């Protein structure tokens, strides 16, 4: 009775390489998750809450970052709609970071198609926001599709009709 090999030597070699690559990828992902968990655990501490009210928050999610001067100072911990259909976001800010009471909050993205986050622009007041205070000025998220539509419509409106186009 003849025994037949299931895989050729070349196929066996490719399977071994694929197995090793898979193991390395799983190991790297596991280490990344372990480090991420340790970083989040190390960041635990005291926070205070601030409220920001926006007309639209396109692409911003609970858990996204809050930054001040490009540094991570907190995160979005809750989102809900108020009676006027505005998005009310609850932000947790590190206790070590004091925000002036005339500061503003804007929804921005990192790069053209990057993730959204809230950027706090500090004001000049010497009085600081207390826990539960609300930003008096906020700037909504800019929607790239709407911006492109506006640019295209402006371009179409400025285009001059070609009188002699059919002659060429």
C-alpha atoms as a PDB file:
ATOM      1  CA  UNK A   1       0.000   0.000   0.000  1.00  0.00           C
ATOM      2  CA  UNK A   2       1.369   3.349  -0.996  1.00  0.00           C
ATOM      3  CA  UNK A   3       1.392   6.173   1.486  1.00  0.00           C
ATOM      4  CA  UNK A   4       0.877   9.556   0.016  1.00  0.00           C
ATOM      5  CA  UNK A   5       2.218  12.747   1.481  1.00  0.00           C
ATOM      6  CA  UNK A   6      -0.404  15.411   2.103  1.00  0.00           C
ATOM      7  CA  UNK A   7       1.916  18.333   1.437  1.00  0.00           C
ATOM      8  CA  UNK A   8       4.998  18.715  -0.653  1.00  0.00           C
ATOM      9  CA  UNK A   9       8.256  19.783   0.980  1.00  0.00           C
ATOM     10  CA  UNK A  10       7.790  23.327  -0.342  1.00  0.00           C
ATOM     11  CA  UNK A  11       4.236  23.551   0.998  1.00  0.00           C
ATOM     12  CA  UNK A  12       5.402  22.234   4.377  1.00  0.00           C
ATOM     13  CA  UNK A  13       8.109  24.902   4.489  1.00  0.00           C
ATOM     14  CA  UNK A  14       5.567  27.644   3.684  1.00  0.00           C
ATOM     15  CA  UNK A  15       3.225  26.354   6.392  1.00  0.00           C
ATOM     16  CA  UNK A  16       6.029  26.439   8.959  1.00  0.00           C
ATOM     17  CA  UNK A  17       6.931  30.014   7.968  1.00  0.00           C
ATOM     18  CA  UNK A  18       3.276  31.072   8.158  1.00  0.00           C
ATOM     19  CA  UNK A  19       2.959  29.469  11.589  1.00  0.00           C
ATOM     20  CA  UNK A  20       6.078  31.270  12.862  1.00  0.00           C
ATOM     21  CA  UNK A  21       4.924  34.630  11.458  1.00  0.00           C
ATOM     22  CA  UNK A  22       1.506  34.151  13.059  1.00  0.00           C
ATOM     23  CA  UNK A  23       3.151  33.368  16.392  1.00  0.00           C
ATOM     24  CA  UNK A  24       5.291  36.525  16.179  1.00  0.00           C
ATOM     25  CA  UNK A  25       2.254  38.681  15.311  1.00  0.00           C
ATOM     26  CA  UNK A  26       0.254  37.227  18.210  1.00  0.00           C
ATOM     27  CA  UNK A  27       3.205  37.835  20.531  1.00  0.00           C
ATOM     28  CA  UNK A  28       3.571  41.468  19.408  1.00  0.00           C
ATOM     29  CA  UNK A  29      -0.164  42.148  19.767  1.00  0.00           C
ATOM     30  CA  UNK A  30      -0.149  40.551  23.210  1.00  0.00           C
ATOM     31  CA  UNK A  31       2.776  42.688  24.335  1.00  0.00           C
ATOM     32  CA  UNK A  32       1.074  45.824  22.960  1.00  0.00           C
ATOM     33  CA  UNK A  33      -2.145  45.047  24.865  1.00  0.00           C
ATOM     34  CA  UNK A  34      -0.176  44.331  28.044  1.00  0.00           C
ATOM     35  CA  UNK A  35       1.727  47.630  27.756  1.00  0.00           C
ATOM     36  CA  UNK A  36      -1.467  49.554  26.939  1.00  0.00           C
ATOM     37  CA  UNK A  37      -3.147  48.093  30.007  1.00  0.00           C
ATOM     38  CA  UNK A  38      -0.168  49.088  32.180  1.00  0.00           C
ATOM     39  CA  UNK A  39      -0.133  52.629  30.762  1.00  0.00           C
ATOM     40  CA  UNK A  40      -3.864  53.042  31.408  1.00  0.00           C
ATOM     41  CA  UNK A  41      -3.412  51.669  34.906  1.00  0.00           C
ATOM     42  CA  UNK A  42      -0.530  54.070  35.548  1.00  0.00           C
ATOM     43  CA  UNK A  43      -2.675  57.001  34.359  1.00  0.00           C
ATOM     44  CA  UNK A  44      -5.342  56.323  36.952  1.00  0.00           C
ATOM     45  CA  UNK A  45      -5.601  59.149  39.417  1.00  0.00           C
ATOM     46  CA  UNK A  46      -7.799  62.055  40.297  1.00  0.00           C
ATOM     47  CA  UNK A  47      -9.956  63.650  37.629  1.00  0.00           C
ATOM     48  CA  UNK A  48     -12.608  66.324  37.582  1.00  0.00           C
ATOM     49  CA  UNK A  49     -15.479  66.659  35.122  1.00  0.00           C
ATOM     50  CA  UNK A  50     -16.207  69.466  32.680  1.00  0.00           C
ATOM     51  CA  UNK A  51     -19.158  69.787  30.304  1.00  0.00           C
ATOM     52  CA  UNK A  52     -18.946  70.773  26.617  1.00  0.00           C
ATOM     53  CA  UNK A  53     -22.034  71.313  24.449  1.00  0.00           C
ATOM     54  CA  UNK A  54     -21.750  70.964  20.647  1.00  0.00           C
ATOM     55  CA  UNK A  55     -24.166  71.189  17.701  1.00  0.00           C
ATOM     56  CA  UNK A  56     -22.440  68.197  16.077  1.00  0.00           C
ATOM     57  CA  UNK A  57     -19.687  65.811  17.113  1.00  0.00           C
ATOM     58  CA  UNK A  58     -19.148  63.860  13.874  1.00  0.00           C
ATOM     59  CA  UNK A  59     -16.591  61.118  14.436  1.00  0.00           C
ATOM     60  CA  UNK A  60     -15.917  61.867  18.111  1.00  0.00           C
ATOM     61  CA  UNK A  61     -16.556  58.921  20.415  1.00  0.00           C
ATOM     62  CA  UNK A  62     -16.670  58.243  24.135  1.00  0.00           C
ATOM     63  CA  UNK A  63     -13.110  57.387  25.148  1.00  0.00           C
ATOM     64  CA  UNK A  64     -11.470  59.836  22.736  1.00  0.00           C
ATOM     65  CA  UNK A  65      -8.755  62.124  24.042  1.00  0.00           C
ATOM     66  CA  UNK A  66      -8.917  65.651  25.404  1.00  0.00           C
ATOM     67  CA  UNK A  67      -5.774  67.683  24.728  1.00  0.00           C
ATOM     68  CA  UNK A  68      -4.426  71.012  25.845  1.00  0.00           C
ATOM     69  CA  UNK A  69      -1.357  72.457  24.078  1.00  0.00           C
ATOM     70  CA  UNK A  70      -0.971  69.121  22.266  1.00  0.00           C
ATOM     71  CA  UNK A  71      -0.697  67.139  25.502  1.00  0.00           C
ATOM     72  CA  UNK A  72      -3.211  64.510  26.616  1.00  0.00           C
ATOM     73  CA  UNK A  73      -5.012  65.882  29.686  1.00  0.00           C
ATOM     74  CA  UNK A  74      -8.143  63.739  29.787  1.00  0.00           C
ATOM     75  CA  UNK A  75     -10.800  61.913  27.832  1.00  0.00           C
ATOM     76  CA  UNK A  76     -14.457  61.976  26.853  1.00  0.00           C
ATOM     77  CA  UNK A  77     -16.358  59.808  29.331  1.00  0.00           C
ATOM     78  CA  UNK A  78     -20.016  60.375  28.385  1.00  0.00           C
ATOM     79  CA  UNK A  79     -22.180  61.742  25.584  1.00  0.00           C
ATOM     80  CA  UNK A  80     -25.894  62.486  25.465  1.00  0.00           C
ATOM     81  CA  UNK A  81     -28.449  64.700  23.701  1.00  0.00           C
ATOM     82  CA  UNK A  82     -30.088  67.584  25.504  1.00  0.00           C
ATOM     83  CA  UNK A  83     -33.663  68.835  24.979  1.00  0.00           C
ATOM     84  CA  UNK A  84     -32.510  71.087  22.102  1.00  0.00           C
ATOM     85  CA  UNK A  85     -30.818  68.171  20.295  1.00  0.00           C
ATOM     86  CA  UNK A  86     -27.302  69.326  21.102  1.00  0.00           C
ATOM     87  CA  UNK A  87     -24.580  66.884  22.046  1.00  0.00           C
ATOM     88  CA  UNK A  88     -23.534  67.233  25.673  1.00  0.00           C
ATOM     89  CA  UNK A  89     -20.131  65.693  26.351  1.00  0.00           C
ATOM     90  CA  UNK A  90     -18.691  65.010  29.776  1.00  0.00           C
ATOM     91  CA  UNK A  91     -14.917  65.378  29.851  1.00  0.00           C
ATOM     92  CA  UNK A  92     -12.661  64.066  32.593  1.00  0.00           C
ATOM     93  CA  UNK A  93      -9.598  66.260  33.098  1.00  0.00           C
ATOM     94  CA  UNK A  94      -6.589  65.379  35.261  1.00  0.00           C
ATOM     95  CA  UNK A  95      -6.655  67.167  38.617  1.00  0.00           C
ATOM     96  CA  UNK A  96      -3.135  68.451  37.992  1.00  0.00           C
ATOM     97  CA  UNK A  97      -4.395  70.441  34.965  1.00  0.00           C
ATOM     98  CA  UNK A  98      -6.358  73.581  35.788  1.00  0.00           C
ATOM     99  CA  UNK A  99      -8.437  75.101  32.967  1.00  0.00           C
ATOM    100  CA  UNK A 100      -9.199  78.863  32.984  1.00  0.00           C
ATOM    101  CA  UNK A 101     -12.948  79.603  33.040  1.00  0.00           C
ATOM    102  CA  UNK A 102     -12.849  81.539  29.743  1.00  0.00           C
ATOM    103  CA  UNK A 103     -11.330  78.618  27.801  1.00  0.00           C
ATOM    104  CA  UNK A 104     -12.885  77.079  24.694  1.00  0.00           C
ATOM    105  CA  UNK A 105     -13.250  73.489  23.490  1.00  0.00           C
ATOM    106  CA  UNK A 106     -13.022  72.476  19.818  1.00  0.00           C
ATOM    107  CA  UNK A 107     -13.429  69.162  18.048  1.00  0.00           C
ATOM    108  CA  UNK A 108     -10.449  68.691  15.745  1.00  0.00           C
ATOM    109  CA  UNK A 109      -8.815  65.796  13.932  1.00  0.00           C
ATOM    110  CA  UNK A 110      -5.229  64.713  13.777  1.00  0.00           C
ATOM    111  CA  UNK A 111      -4.517  65.002  10.069  1.00  0.00           C
ATOM    112  CA  UNK A 112      -6.884  64.998   7.119  1.00  0.00           C
ATOM    113  CA  UNK A 113      -8.543  61.674   7.917  1.00  0.00           C
ATOM    114  CA  UNK A 114      -7.201  61.167  11.445  1.00  0.00           C
ATOM    115  CA  UNK A 115      -8.995  60.434  14.679  1.00  0.00           C
ATOM    116  CA  UNK A 116     -11.028  63.186  16.329  1.00  0.00           C
ATOM    117  CA  UNK A 117     -10.257  64.631  19.737  1.00  0.00           C
ATOM    118  CA  UNK A 118     -11.153  67.681  21.812  1.00  0.00           C
ATOM    119  CA  UNK A 119      -8.625  70.502  21.951  1.00  0.00           C
ATOM    120  CA  UNK A 120      -8.941  72.941  24.838  1.00  0.00           C
ATOM    121  CA  UNK A 121      -7.736  76.469  24.097  1.00  0.00           C
ATOM    122  CA  UNK A 122      -6.956  78.083  27.449  1.00  0.00           C
ATOM    123  CA  UNK A 123      -8.238  81.576  28.089  1.00  0.00           C
ATOM    124  CA  UNK A 124      -6.526  84.361  29.967  1.00  0.00           C
ATOM    125  CA  UNK A 125      -8.650  84.394  33.097  1.00  0.00           C
ATOM    126  CA  UNK A 126      -7.114  83.810  36.498  1.00  0.00           C
ATOM    127  CA  UNK A 127     -10.273  82.011  37.668  1.00  0.00           C
ATOM    128  CA  UNK A 128     -10.298  78.266  37.012  1.00  0.00           C
ATOM    129  CA  UNK A 129     -13.195  75.998  36.039  1.00  0.00           C
ATOM    130  CA  UNK A 130     -14.594  73.920  38.878  1.00  0.00           C
ATOM    131  CA  UNK A 131     -15.789  70.339  38.537  1.00  0.00           C
ATOM    132  CA  UNK A 132     -19.116  70.244  36.673  1.00  0.00           C
ATOM    133  CA  UNK A 133     -18.565  73.617  34.955  1.00  0.00           C
ATOM    134  CA  UNK A 134     -19.490  74.074  31.292  1.00  0.00           C
ATOM    135  CA  UNK A 135     -17.432  75.629  28.520  1.00  0.00           C
ATOM    136  CA  UNK A 136     -19.029  78.877  27.388  1.00  0.00           C
ATOM    137  CA  UNK A 137     -17.572  78.616  23.873  1.00  0.00           C
ATOM    138  CA  UNK A 138     -17.275  75.450  21.777  1.00  0.00           C
ATOM    139  CA  UNK A 139     -16.497  74.834  18.120  1.00  0.00           C
ATOM    140  CA  UNK A 140     -18.153  71.927  16.315  1.00  0.00           C
ATOM    141  CA  UNK A 141     -16.461  69.245  14.260  1.00  0.00           C
ATOM    142  CA  UNK A 142     -15.701  70.178  10.674  1.00  0.00           C
ATOM    143  CA  UNK A 143     -17.071  67.656   8.210  1.00  0.00           C
ATOM    144  CA  UNK A 144     -14.640  67.163   5.316  1.00  0.00           C
ATOM    145  CA  UNK A 145     -17.390  66.077   2.896  1.00  0.00           C
ATOM    146  CA  UNK A 146     -19.340  69.308   3.447  1.00  0.00           C
ATOM    147  CA  UNK A 147     -16.198  71.373   2.992  1.00  0.00           C
ATOM    148  CA  UNK A 148     -15.416  69.613  -0.297  1.00  0.00           C
ATOM    149  CA  UNK A 149     -19.018  70.084  -1.488  1.00  0.00           C
ATOM    150  CA  UNK A 150     -18.753  73.813  -0.787  1.00  0.00           C
ATOM    151  CA  UNK A 151     -15.460  74.094  -2.674  1.00  0.00           C
ATOM    152  CA  UNK A 152     -16.899  72.249  -5.676  1.00  0.00           C
ATOM    153  CA  UNK A 153     -20.052  74.397  -5.714  1.00  0.00           C
ATOM    154  CA  UNK A 154     -17.974  77.594  -5.515  1.00  0.00           C
ATOM    155  CA  UNK A 155     -15.844  76.329  -8.405  1.00  0.00           C
ATOM    156  CA  UNK A 156     -18.945  75.556 -10.486  1.00  0.00           C
ATOM    157  CA  UNK A 157     -20.434  78.969  -9.732  1.00  0.00           C
ATOM    158  CA  UNK A 158     -17.240  80.757 -10.777  1.00  0.00           C
ATOM    159  CA  UNK A 159     -16.854  78.808 -13.998  1.00  0.00           C
ATOM    160  CA  UNK A 160     -17.555  81.023 -17.000  1.00  0.00           C
ATOM    161  CA  UNK A 161     -19.658  79.588 -19.803  1.00  0.00           C
ATOM    162  CA  UNK A 162     -17.623  78.813 -22.897  1.00  0.00           C
ATOM    163  CA  UNK A 163     -19.165  80.467 -25.950  1.00  0.00           C
ATOM    164  CA  UNK A 164     -16.859  78.961 -28.565  1.00  0.00           C
ATOM    165  CA  UNK A 165     -16.502  75.494 -26.987  1.00  0.00           C
ATOM    166  CA  UNK A 166     -18.458  73.715 -29.766  1.00  0.00           C
ATOM    167  CA  UNK A 167     -16.206  75.143 -32.483  1.00  0.00           C
ATOM    168  CA  UNK A 168     -13.080  73.312 -31.280  1.00  0.00           C
END
